Amino acid sequence: MIIIGNRSIPENLAESVVGMDFEWTKNYKIKNGNKLFCFSFVFCKSSDLLHGAEDKLMFDFILNYIENIDEIPILINNANSILKRIMEKNYILVGHQLSSDISVAINNSKNNNSDNIKILRAKWKKRKNASIDTHLKIFDTRFDLGSFLIGKSRRLVDVCQECNLDVTQPELKSSMTKMQNIFFEKYDLSIMEKLSVLNIRHSLSSTLLYHLYSKQERLDKCFNVNKALFNNLRKYFNYINSDDFKKLL
């Protein structure tokens, strides 16, 4: 198991926005054929989001990435434990189409190691009823932005573009499933780094969209999310310091 960033959720982040995103290989030919291979949680204080410029945005993160499919139960167990801690805090948990992430995680789970993920699914279904649970707020940027958006598309990249967030993602030269299968076969760490950065970008983008929605604000100029990634991730990933990534800045 590859673990990068914080080993546990950061302390003293009350009222923070937490972005969550899981990635998986896809196989629709067999039941429960989709298999998780990584997840990330990104922690941002609300006061820091979009405050001035990309250079000012700082965040903490936890990323877990499996090295072989036998580690899927460990991946789910780790996500389940992190969610338990998050549910104990006064956080806002944000993701894009969280229902899919949750479903794949539960379908991949064994030995009842997904109890908190199942609780999250129940909370997601009831997220618009504030009287049910006010301790953990859940916001899904695919379904909950409502009239804040004008365009019809709810793909994350399209929603970000409408909200003036530049989330250019050159990592996907082919399908994510094909890239991850090559990683399993050849242990190509460059693939792991690219898909890890992609995953963290998704988690971070959801937090930024939530912040804009909560303030009902539109940006006057484009916010380059990749600059924020560079500032926060350059000590963790060689890919961030590559010429290919620096072209995004």
C-alpha atoms as a PDB file:
ATOM      1  CA  MET A   1       0.000   0.000   0.000  1.00  0.00           C
ATOM      2  CA  ILE A   2       1.321   3.430  -0.951  1.00  0.00           C
ATOM      3  CA  ILE A   3       0.292   6.172   1.504  1.00  0.00           C
ATOM      4  CA  ILE A   4       1.213   9.771   0.703  1.00  0.00           C
ATOM      5  CA  GLY A   5       0.501  12.961   2.655  1.00  0.00           C
ATOM      6  CA  ASN A   6      -0.936  12.948   6.155  1.00  0.00           C
ATOM      7  CA  ARG A   7      -1.121   9.615   7.936  1.00  0.00           C
ATOM      8  CA  SER A   8      -4.270  10.703   9.759  1.00  0.00           C
ATOM      9  CA  ILE A   9      -6.739  13.537   9.474  1.00  0.00           C
ATOM     10  CA  PRO A  10      -5.220  16.906  10.481  1.00  0.00           C
ATOM     11  CA  GLU A  11      -6.113  18.322  13.871  1.00  0.00           C
ATOM     12  CA  ASN A  12      -7.595  21.759  14.557  1.00  0.00           C
ATOM     13  CA  LEU A  13      -9.527  21.915  11.308  1.00  0.00           C
ATOM     14  CA  ALA A  14     -12.990  22.517  12.716  1.00  0.00           C
ATOM     15  CA  GLU A  15     -15.498  23.740  10.129  1.00  0.00           C
ATOM     16  CA  SER A  16     -13.176  22.660   7.345  1.00  0.00           C
ATOM     17  CA  VAL A  17     -14.264  21.506   3.932  1.00  0.00           C
ATOM     18  CA  VAL A  18     -13.164  17.959   3.127  1.00  0.00           C
ATOM     19  CA  GLY A  19     -13.045  16.829  -0.497  1.00  0.00           C
ATOM     20  CA  MET A  20     -13.343  13.090  -1.117  1.00  0.00           C
ATOM     21  CA  ASP A  21     -12.751  11.096  -4.296  1.00  0.00           C
ATOM     22  CA  PHE A  22     -12.241   7.404  -5.105  1.00  0.00           C
ATOM     23  CA  GLU A  23     -10.887   5.991  -8.355  1.00  0.00           C
ATOM     24  CA  TRP A  24     -11.529   2.525  -9.750  1.00  0.00           C
ATOM     25  CA  THR A  25     -10.937   0.325 -12.766  1.00  0.00           C
ATOM     26  CA  LYS A  26     -14.107  -0.418 -14.709  1.00  0.00           C
ATOM     27  CA  ASN A  27     -15.462  -3.786 -15.813  1.00  0.00           C
ATOM     28  CA  TYR A  28     -19.177  -3.779 -16.586  1.00  0.00           C
ATOM     29  CA  LYS A  29     -19.181  -7.321 -17.974  1.00  0.00           C
ATOM     30  CA  ILE A  30     -19.335  -8.968 -14.547  1.00  0.00           C
ATOM     31  CA  LYS A  31     -21.272  -8.139 -11.400  1.00  0.00           C
ATOM     32  CA  ASN A  32     -19.311  -5.837  -9.077  1.00  0.00           C
ATOM     33  CA  GLY A  33     -16.497  -5.815 -11.627  1.00  0.00           C
ATOM     34  CA  ASN A  34     -15.430  -2.241 -10.833  1.00  0.00           C
ATOM     35  CA  LYS A  35     -12.411  -2.320  -8.497  1.00  0.00           C
ATOM     36  CA  LEU A  36     -11.142   0.511  -6.303  1.00  0.00           C
ATOM     37  CA  PHE A  37      -7.459   1.328  -6.514  1.00  0.00           C
ATOM     38  CA  CYS A  38      -7.028   4.682  -4.745  1.00  0.00           C
ATOM     39  CA  PHE A  39      -8.726   7.413  -2.757  1.00  0.00           C
ATOM     40  CA  SER A  40      -7.907  10.866  -1.470  1.00  0.00           C
ATOM     41  CA  PHE A  41      -9.260  13.228   1.162  1.00  0.00           C
ATOM     42  CA  VAL A  42      -8.322  16.905   0.875  1.00  0.00           C
ATOM     43  CA  PHE A  43      -8.700  19.201   3.903  1.00  0.00           C
ATOM     44  CA  CYS A  44      -9.135  22.957   3.411  1.00  0.00           C
ATOM     45  CA  LYS A  45     -10.159  25.638   5.874  1.00  0.00           C
ATOM     46  CA  SER A  46     -13.107  27.519   4.445  1.00  0.00           C
ATOM     47  CA  SER A  47     -11.406  30.862   5.033  1.00  0.00           C
ATOM     48  CA  ASP A  48      -8.491  29.782   2.818  1.00  0.00           C
ATOM     49  CA  LEU A  49     -10.457  28.751  -0.243  1.00  0.00           C
ATOM     50  CA  LEU A  50     -10.037  31.073  -3.227  1.00  0.00           C
ATOM     51  CA  HIS A  51      -8.771  33.849  -0.972  1.00  0.00           C
ATOM     52  CA  GLY A  52      -6.914  36.074  -3.379  1.00  0.00           C
ATOM     53  CA  ALA A  53      -4.811  33.798  -5.565  1.00  0.00           C
ATOM     54  CA  GLU A  54      -3.802  30.212  -6.201  1.00  0.00           C
ATOM     55  CA  ASP A  55      -0.526  30.766  -4.339  1.00  0.00           C
ATOM     56  CA  LYS A  56      -2.418  31.399  -1.088  1.00  0.00           C
ATOM     57  CA  LEU A  57      -4.442  28.194  -1.133  1.00  0.00           C
ATOM     58  CA  MET A  58      -2.939  25.584   1.185  1.00  0.00           C
ATOM     59  CA  PHE A  59      -4.413  22.191   1.955  1.00  0.00           C
ATOM     60  CA  ASP A  60      -3.646  18.909   3.696  1.00  0.00           C
ATOM     61  CA  PHE A  61      -4.401  15.562   2.122  1.00  0.00           C
ATOM     62  CA  ILE A  62      -4.426  11.814   2.643  1.00  0.00           C
ATOM     63  CA  LEU A  63      -3.927   9.544  -0.350  1.00  0.00           C
ATOM     64  CA  ASN A  64      -3.962   5.725  -0.329  1.00  0.00           C
ATOM     65  CA  TYR A  65      -3.032   3.748  -3.441  1.00  0.00           C
ATOM     66  CA  ILE A  66      -2.914  -0.037  -3.766  1.00  0.00           C
ATOM     67  CA  GLU A  67       0.063  -1.856  -5.293  1.00  0.00           C
ATOM     68  CA  ASN A  68      -1.920  -5.000  -6.135  1.00  0.00           C
ATOM     69  CA  ILE A  69      -5.575  -6.023  -6.081  1.00  0.00           C
ATOM     70  CA  ASP A  70      -5.095  -8.067  -2.896  1.00  0.00           C
ATOM     71  CA  GLU A  71      -4.818  -4.763  -1.026  1.00  0.00           C
ATOM     72  CA  ILE A  72      -8.373  -3.653  -1.860  1.00  0.00           C
ATOM     73  CA  PRO A  73      -9.693  -4.741   1.597  1.00  0.00           C
ATOM     74  CA  ILE A  74      -6.930  -2.671   3.247  1.00  0.00           C
ATOM     75  CA  LEU A  75      -7.809   0.317   1.063  1.00  0.00           C
ATOM     76  CA  ILE A  76     -11.467   0.112   2.072  1.00  0.00           C
ATOM     77  CA  ASN A  77     -10.622  -0.418   5.716  1.00  0.00           C
ATOM     78  CA  ASN A  78      -8.396   2.678   5.690  1.00  0.00           C
ATOM     79  CA  ALA A  79     -11.100   4.774   4.007  1.00  0.00           C
ATOM     80  CA  ASN A  80     -13.632   3.458   6.505  1.00  0.00           C
ATOM     81  CA  SER A  81     -11.411   4.478   9.437  1.00  0.00           C
ATOM     82  CA  ILE A  82     -10.802   7.957   8.026  1.00  0.00           C
ATOM     83  CA  LEU A  83     -14.533   8.460   7.511  1.00  0.00           C
ATOM     84  CA  LYS A  84     -15.151   7.525  11.142  1.00  0.00           C
ATOM     85  CA  ARG A  85     -12.843  10.350  12.240  1.00  0.00           C
ATOM     86  CA  ILE A  86     -14.407  12.785   9.782  1.00  0.00           C
ATOM     87  CA  MET A  87     -17.888  11.985  11.056  1.00  0.00           C
ATOM     88  CA  GLU A  88     -16.738  12.857  14.567  1.00  0.00           C
ATOM     89  CA  LYS A  89     -15.765  16.367  13.458  1.00  0.00           C
ATOM     90  CA  ASN A  90     -17.802  19.378  12.392  1.00  0.00           C
ATOM     91  CA  TYR A  91     -16.789  18.997   8.764  1.00  0.00           C
ATOM     92  CA  ILE A  92     -18.439  19.582   5.416  1.00  0.00           C
ATOM     93  CA  LEU A  93     -17.791  16.508   3.260  1.00  0.00           C
ATOM     94  CA  VAL A  94     -17.847  17.253  -0.461  1.00  0.00           C
ATOM     95  CA  GLY A  95     -17.466  15.102  -3.555  1.00  0.00           C
ATOM     96  CA  HIS A  96     -18.654  14.746  -7.126  1.00  0.00           C
ATOM     97  CA  GLN A  97     -21.216  11.965  -7.596  1.00  0.00           C
ATOM     98  CA  LEU A  98     -20.384  10.547  -4.187  1.00  0.00           C
ATOM     99  CA  SER A  99     -23.036   7.881  -4.614  1.00  0.00           C
ATOM    100  CA  SER A 100     -20.874   6.094  -7.193  1.00  0.00           C
ATOM    101  CA  ASP A 101     -17.771   6.189  -4.989  1.00  0.00           C
ATOM    102  CA  ILE A 102     -19.754   4.865  -2.051  1.00  0.00           C
ATOM    103  CA  SER A 103     -21.427   2.095  -4.048  1.00  0.00           C
ATOM    104  CA  VAL A 104     -18.186   0.771  -5.535  1.00  0.00           C
ATOM    105  CA  ALA A 105     -16.521   0.814  -2.111  1.00  0.00           C
ATOM    106  CA  ILE A 106     -19.373  -1.129  -0.523  1.00  0.00           C
ATOM    107  CA  ASN A 107     -19.474  -3.623  -3.399  1.00  0.00           C
ATOM    108  CA  ASN A 108     -15.725  -4.194  -2.976  1.00  0.00           C
ATOM    109  CA  SER A 109     -15.877  -4.559   0.794  1.00  0.00           C
ATOM    110  CA  LYS A 110     -15.438  -7.797   2.699  1.00  0.00           C
ATOM    111  CA  ASN A 111     -15.619  -8.848   6.347  1.00  0.00           C
ATOM    112  CA  ASN A 112     -17.876  -5.908   7.257  1.00  0.00           C
ATOM    113  CA  ASN A 113     -15.039  -3.377   6.986  1.00  0.00           C
ATOM    114  CA  SER A 114     -17.267  -0.694   5.450  1.00  0.00           C
ATOM    115  CA  ASP A 115     -19.695   0.181   8.265  1.00  0.00           C
ATOM    116  CA  ASN A 116     -18.856   3.902   8.172  1.00  0.00           C
ATOM    117  CA  ILE A 117     -19.030   3.945   4.377  1.00  0.00           C
ATOM    118  CA  LYS A 118     -22.539   2.478   4.690  1.00  0.00           C
ATOM    119  CA  ILE A 119     -23.415   5.172   7.231  1.00  0.00           C
ATOM    120  CA  LEU A 120     -22.140   7.740   4.732  1.00  0.00           C
ATOM    121  CA  ARG A 121     -24.451   6.291   2.072  1.00  0.00           C
ATOM    122  CA  ALA A 122     -27.421   6.713   4.402  1.00  0.00           C
ATOM    123  CA  LYS A 123     -26.372  10.277   5.188  1.00  0.00           C
ATOM    124  CA  TRP A 124     -25.912  11.038   1.485  1.00  0.00           C
ATOM    125  CA  LYS A 125     -29.474   9.930   0.770  1.00  0.00           C
ATOM    126  CA  LYS A 126     -30.798  12.208   3.533  1.00  0.00           C
ATOM    127  CA  ARG A 127     -28.315  15.055   3.033  1.00  0.00           C
ATOM    128  CA  LYS A 128     -30.961  17.644   2.070  1.00  0.00           C
ATOM    129  CA  ASN A 129     -32.930  17.106   5.278  1.00  0.00           C
ATOM    130  CA  ALA A 130     -31.063  19.263   7.800  1.00  0.00           C
ATOM    131  CA  SER A 131     -33.218  17.998  10.667  1.00  0.00           C
ATOM    132  CA  ILE A 132     -31.827  14.481  10.274  1.00  0.00           C
ATOM    133  CA  ASP A 133     -28.187  15.214  11.116  1.00  0.00           C
ATOM    134  CA  THR A 134     -26.488  18.590  11.363  1.00  0.00           C
ATOM    135  CA  HIS A 135     -23.146  17.274  12.647  1.00  0.00           C
ATOM    136  CA  LEU A 136     -21.772  16.245   9.270  1.00  0.00           C
ATOM    137  CA  LYS A 137     -22.912  18.180   6.224  1.00  0.00           C
ATOM    138  CA  ILE A 138     -22.669  16.365   2.886  1.00  0.00           C
ATOM    139  CA  PHE A 139     -22.650  18.174  -0.437  1.00  0.00           C
ATOM    140  CA  ASP A 140     -22.510  16.523  -3.852  1.00  0.00           C
ATOM    141  CA  THR A 141     -21.284  18.842  -6.596  1.00  0.00           C
ATOM    142  CA  ARG A 142     -22.959  16.775  -9.299  1.00  0.00           C
ATOM    143  CA  PHE A 143     -26.454  17.017  -7.857  1.00  0.00           C
ATOM    144  CA  ASP A 144     -26.558  19.892  -5.367  1.00  0.00           C
ATOM    145  CA  LEU A 145     -25.308  22.980  -7.232  1.00  0.00           C
ATOM    146  CA  GLY A 146     -28.777  23.497  -8.696  1.00  0.00           C
ATOM    147  CA  SER A 147     -29.529  26.919 -10.153  1.00  0.00           C
ATOM    148  CA  PHE A 148     -25.970  28.081  -9.430  1.00  0.00           C
ATOM    149  CA  LEU A 149     -25.132  26.475 -12.780  1.00  0.00           C
ATOM    150  CA  ILE A 150     -26.402  27.530 -16.190  1.00  0.00           C
ATOM    151  CA  GLY A 151     -25.034  24.730 -18.374  1.00  0.00           C
ATOM    152  CA  LYS A 152     -26.669  21.321 -18.620  1.00  0.00           C
ATOM    153  CA  SER A 153     -23.560  19.178 -18.229  1.00  0.00           C
ATOM    154  CA  ARG A 154     -22.740  17.946 -14.732  1.00  0.00           C
ATOM    155  CA  ARG A 155     -19.396  16.391 -15.575  1.00  0.00           C
ATOM    156  CA  LEU A 156     -16.840  17.694 -13.103  1.00  0.00           C
ATOM    157  CA  VAL A 157     -14.607  19.237 -15.774  1.00  0.00           C
ATOM    158  CA  ASP A 158     -17.559  21.016 -17.382  1.00  0.00           C
ATOM    159  CA  VAL A 159     -18.905  22.312 -14.076  1.00  0.00           C
ATOM    160  CA  CYS A 160     -15.443  23.619 -13.159  1.00  0.00           C
ATOM    161  CA  GLN A 161     -15.092  25.315 -16.527  1.00  0.00           C
ATOM    162  CA  GLU A 162     -18.429  27.078 -16.076  1.00  0.00           C
ATOM    163  CA  CYS A 163     -17.283  28.285 -12.648  1.00  0.00           C
ATOM    164  CA  ASN A 164     -13.968  29.573 -14.059  1.00  0.00           C
ATOM    165  CA  LEU A 165     -11.813  26.892 -12.442  1.00  0.00           C
ATOM    166  CA  ASP A 166      -9.028  25.636 -14.704  1.00  0.00           C
ATOM    167  CA  VAL A 167      -8.716  21.903 -13.991  1.00  0.00           C
ATOM    168  CA  THR A 168      -6.819  20.867 -17.126  1.00  0.00           C
ATOM    169  CA  GLN A 169      -5.944  17.183 -16.676  1.00  0.00           C
ATOM    170  CA  PRO A 170      -3.441  15.849 -19.212  1.00  0.00           C
ATOM    171  CA  GLU A 171      -2.768  12.654 -17.260  1.00  0.00           C
ATOM    172  CA  LEU A 172      -5.306  10.480 -19.078  1.00  0.00           C
ATOM    173  CA  LYS A 173      -3.488   9.506 -22.266  1.00  0.00           C
ATOM    174  CA  SER A 174      -5.722   6.435 -22.414  1.00  0.00           C
ATOM    175  CA  SER A 175      -8.462   5.067 -20.169  1.00  0.00           C
ATOM    176  CA  MET A 176      -7.859   5.092 -16.428  1.00  0.00           C
ATOM    177  CA  THR A 177      -8.543   1.356 -16.349  1.00  0.00           C
ATOM    178  CA  LYS A 178      -5.879   0.654 -18.970  1.00  0.00           C
ATOM    179  CA  MET A 179      -3.347   2.870 -17.201  1.00  0.00           C
ATOM    180  CA  GLN A 180      -3.938   1.218 -13.835  1.00  0.00           C
ATOM    181  CA  ASN A 181      -3.663  -2.264 -15.331  1.00  0.00           C
ATOM    182  CA  ILE A 182      -0.270  -1.279 -16.762  1.00  0.00           C
ATOM    183  CA  PHE A 183       0.736  -0.090 -13.292  1.00  0.00           C
ATOM    184  CA  PHE A 184      -0.232  -3.468 -11.821  1.00  0.00           C
ATOM    185  CA  GLU A 185       1.701  -5.289 -14.555  1.00  0.00           C
ATOM    186  CA  LYS A 186       4.868  -3.192 -14.707  1.00  0.00           C
ATOM    187  CA  TYR A 187       4.786  -1.269 -11.408  1.00  0.00           C
ATOM    188  CA  ASP A 188       5.276   1.961 -13.329  1.00  0.00           C
ATOM    189  CA  LEU A 189       5.369   4.606 -10.599  1.00  0.00           C
ATOM    190  CA  SER A 190       4.914   7.400 -13.117  1.00  0.00           C
ATOM    191  CA  ILE A 191       1.392   6.086 -13.718  1.00  0.00           C
ATOM    192  CA  MET A 192       0.706   5.961  -9.989  1.00  0.00           C
ATOM    193  CA  GLU A 193       1.837   9.577  -9.627  1.00  0.00           C
ATOM    194  CA  LYS A 194      -0.267  10.829 -12.535  1.00  0.00           C
ATOM    195  CA  LEU A 195      -3.434   9.099 -11.345  1.00  0.00           C
ATOM    196  CA  SER A 196      -2.770  10.211  -7.763  1.00  0.00           C
ATOM    197  CA  VAL A 197      -2.521  13.852  -8.852  1.00  0.00           C
ATOM    198  CA  LEU A 198      -5.670  13.415 -10.940  1.00  0.00           C
ATOM    199  CA  ASN A 199      -7.472  11.984  -7.915  1.00  0.00           C
ATOM    200  CA  ILE A 200      -6.361  14.792  -5.596  1.00  0.00           C
ATOM    201  CA  ARG A 201      -7.352  17.360  -8.238  1.00  0.00           C
ATOM    202  CA  HIS A 202     -10.873  15.897  -8.214  1.00  0.00           C
ATOM    203  CA  SER A 203     -11.100  16.102  -4.412  1.00  0.00           C
ATOM    204  CA  LEU A 204      -9.774  19.665  -4.342  1.00  0.00           C
ATOM    205  CA  SER A 205     -12.011  20.824  -7.194  1.00  0.00           C
ATOM    206  CA  SER A 206     -15.100  19.697  -5.310  1.00  0.00           C
ATOM    207  CA  THR A 207     -14.122  21.784  -2.290  1.00  0.00           C
ATOM    208  CA  LEU A 208     -13.618  24.849  -4.491  1.00  0.00           C
ATOM    209  CA  LEU A 209     -16.994  24.390  -6.165  1.00  0.00           C
ATOM    210  CA  TYR A 210     -18.664  24.098  -2.774  1.00  0.00           C
ATOM    211  CA  HIS A 211     -17.005  27.304  -1.595  1.00  0.00           C
ATOM    212  CA  LEU A 212     -18.241  29.233  -4.614  1.00  0.00           C
ATOM    213  CA  TYR A 213     -21.735  27.845  -4.151  1.00  0.00           C
ATOM    214  CA  SER A 214     -21.838  28.595  -0.421  1.00  0.00           C
ATOM    215  CA  LYS A 215     -20.847  32.226  -1.086  1.00  0.00           C
ATOM    216  CA  GLN A 216     -22.941  32.416  -4.274  1.00  0.00           C
ATOM    217  CA  GLU A 217     -19.901  33.962  -5.933  1.00  0.00           C
ATOM    218  CA  ARG A 218     -18.538  33.940  -9.456  1.00  0.00           C
ATOM    219  CA  LEU A 219     -14.833  34.398 -10.075  1.00  0.00           C
ATOM    220  CA  ASP A 220     -13.685  37.519 -11.918  1.00  0.00           C
ATOM    221  CA  LYS A 221     -10.735  35.667 -13.413  1.00  0.00           C
ATOM    222  CA  CYS A 222      -9.740  32.073 -13.980  1.00  0.00           C
ATOM    223  CA  PHE A 223      -8.419  30.197 -10.949  1.00  0.00           C
ATOM    224  CA  ASN A 224      -5.679  27.735 -11.981  1.00  0.00           C
ATOM    225  CA  VAL A 225      -6.215  24.696  -9.772  1.00  0.00           C
ATOM    226  CA  ASN A 226      -2.977  23.155 -11.067  1.00  0.00           C
ATOM    227  CA  LYS A 227      -0.995  26.033  -9.543  1.00  0.00           C
ATOM    228  CA  ALA A 228      -2.506  25.182  -6.170  1.00  0.00           C
ATOM    229  CA  LEU A 229      -1.601  21.527  -6.747  1.00  0.00           C
ATOM    230  CA  PHE A 230       1.972  22.504  -7.635  1.00  0.00           C
ATOM    231  CA  ASN A 231       2.386  24.578  -4.491  1.00  0.00           C
ATOM    232  CA  ASN A 232       1.065  21.841  -2.222  1.00  0.00           C
ATOM    233  CA  LEU A 233       2.236  18.616  -3.896  1.00  0.00           C
ATOM    234  CA  ARG A 234       5.655  19.346  -5.399  1.00  0.00           C
ATOM    235  CA  LYS A 235       7.497  17.719  -2.491  1.00  0.00           C
ATOM    236  CA  TYR A 236       5.433  14.530  -2.818  1.00  0.00           C
ATOM    237  CA  PHE A 237       5.379  13.727  -6.550  1.00  0.00           C
ATOM    238  CA  ASN A 238       8.106  13.857  -9.194  1.00  0.00           C
ATOM    239  CA  TYR A 239       5.379  14.305 -11.796  1.00  0.00           C
ATOM    240  CA  ILE A 240       4.434  17.687 -10.302  1.00  0.00           C
ATOM    241  CA  ASN A 241       7.966  18.929 -11.026  1.00  0.00           C
ATOM    242  CA  SER A 242       8.033  17.584 -14.580  1.00  0.00           C
ATOM    243  CA  ASP A 243       8.127  19.796 -17.656  1.00  0.00           C
ATOM    244  CA  ASP A 244       4.752  18.368 -18.724  1.00  0.00           C
ATOM    245  CA  PHE A 245       3.064  19.510 -15.537  1.00  0.00           C
ATOM    246  CA  LYS A 246       4.797  22.884 -15.448  1.00  0.00           C
ATOM    247  CA  LYS A 247       3.231  23.647 -18.830  1.00  0.00           C
ATOM    248  CA  LEU A 248      -0.077  23.874 -16.954  1.00  0.00           C
ATOM    249  CA  LEU A 249       1.156  26.708 -14.763  1.00  0.00           C
END
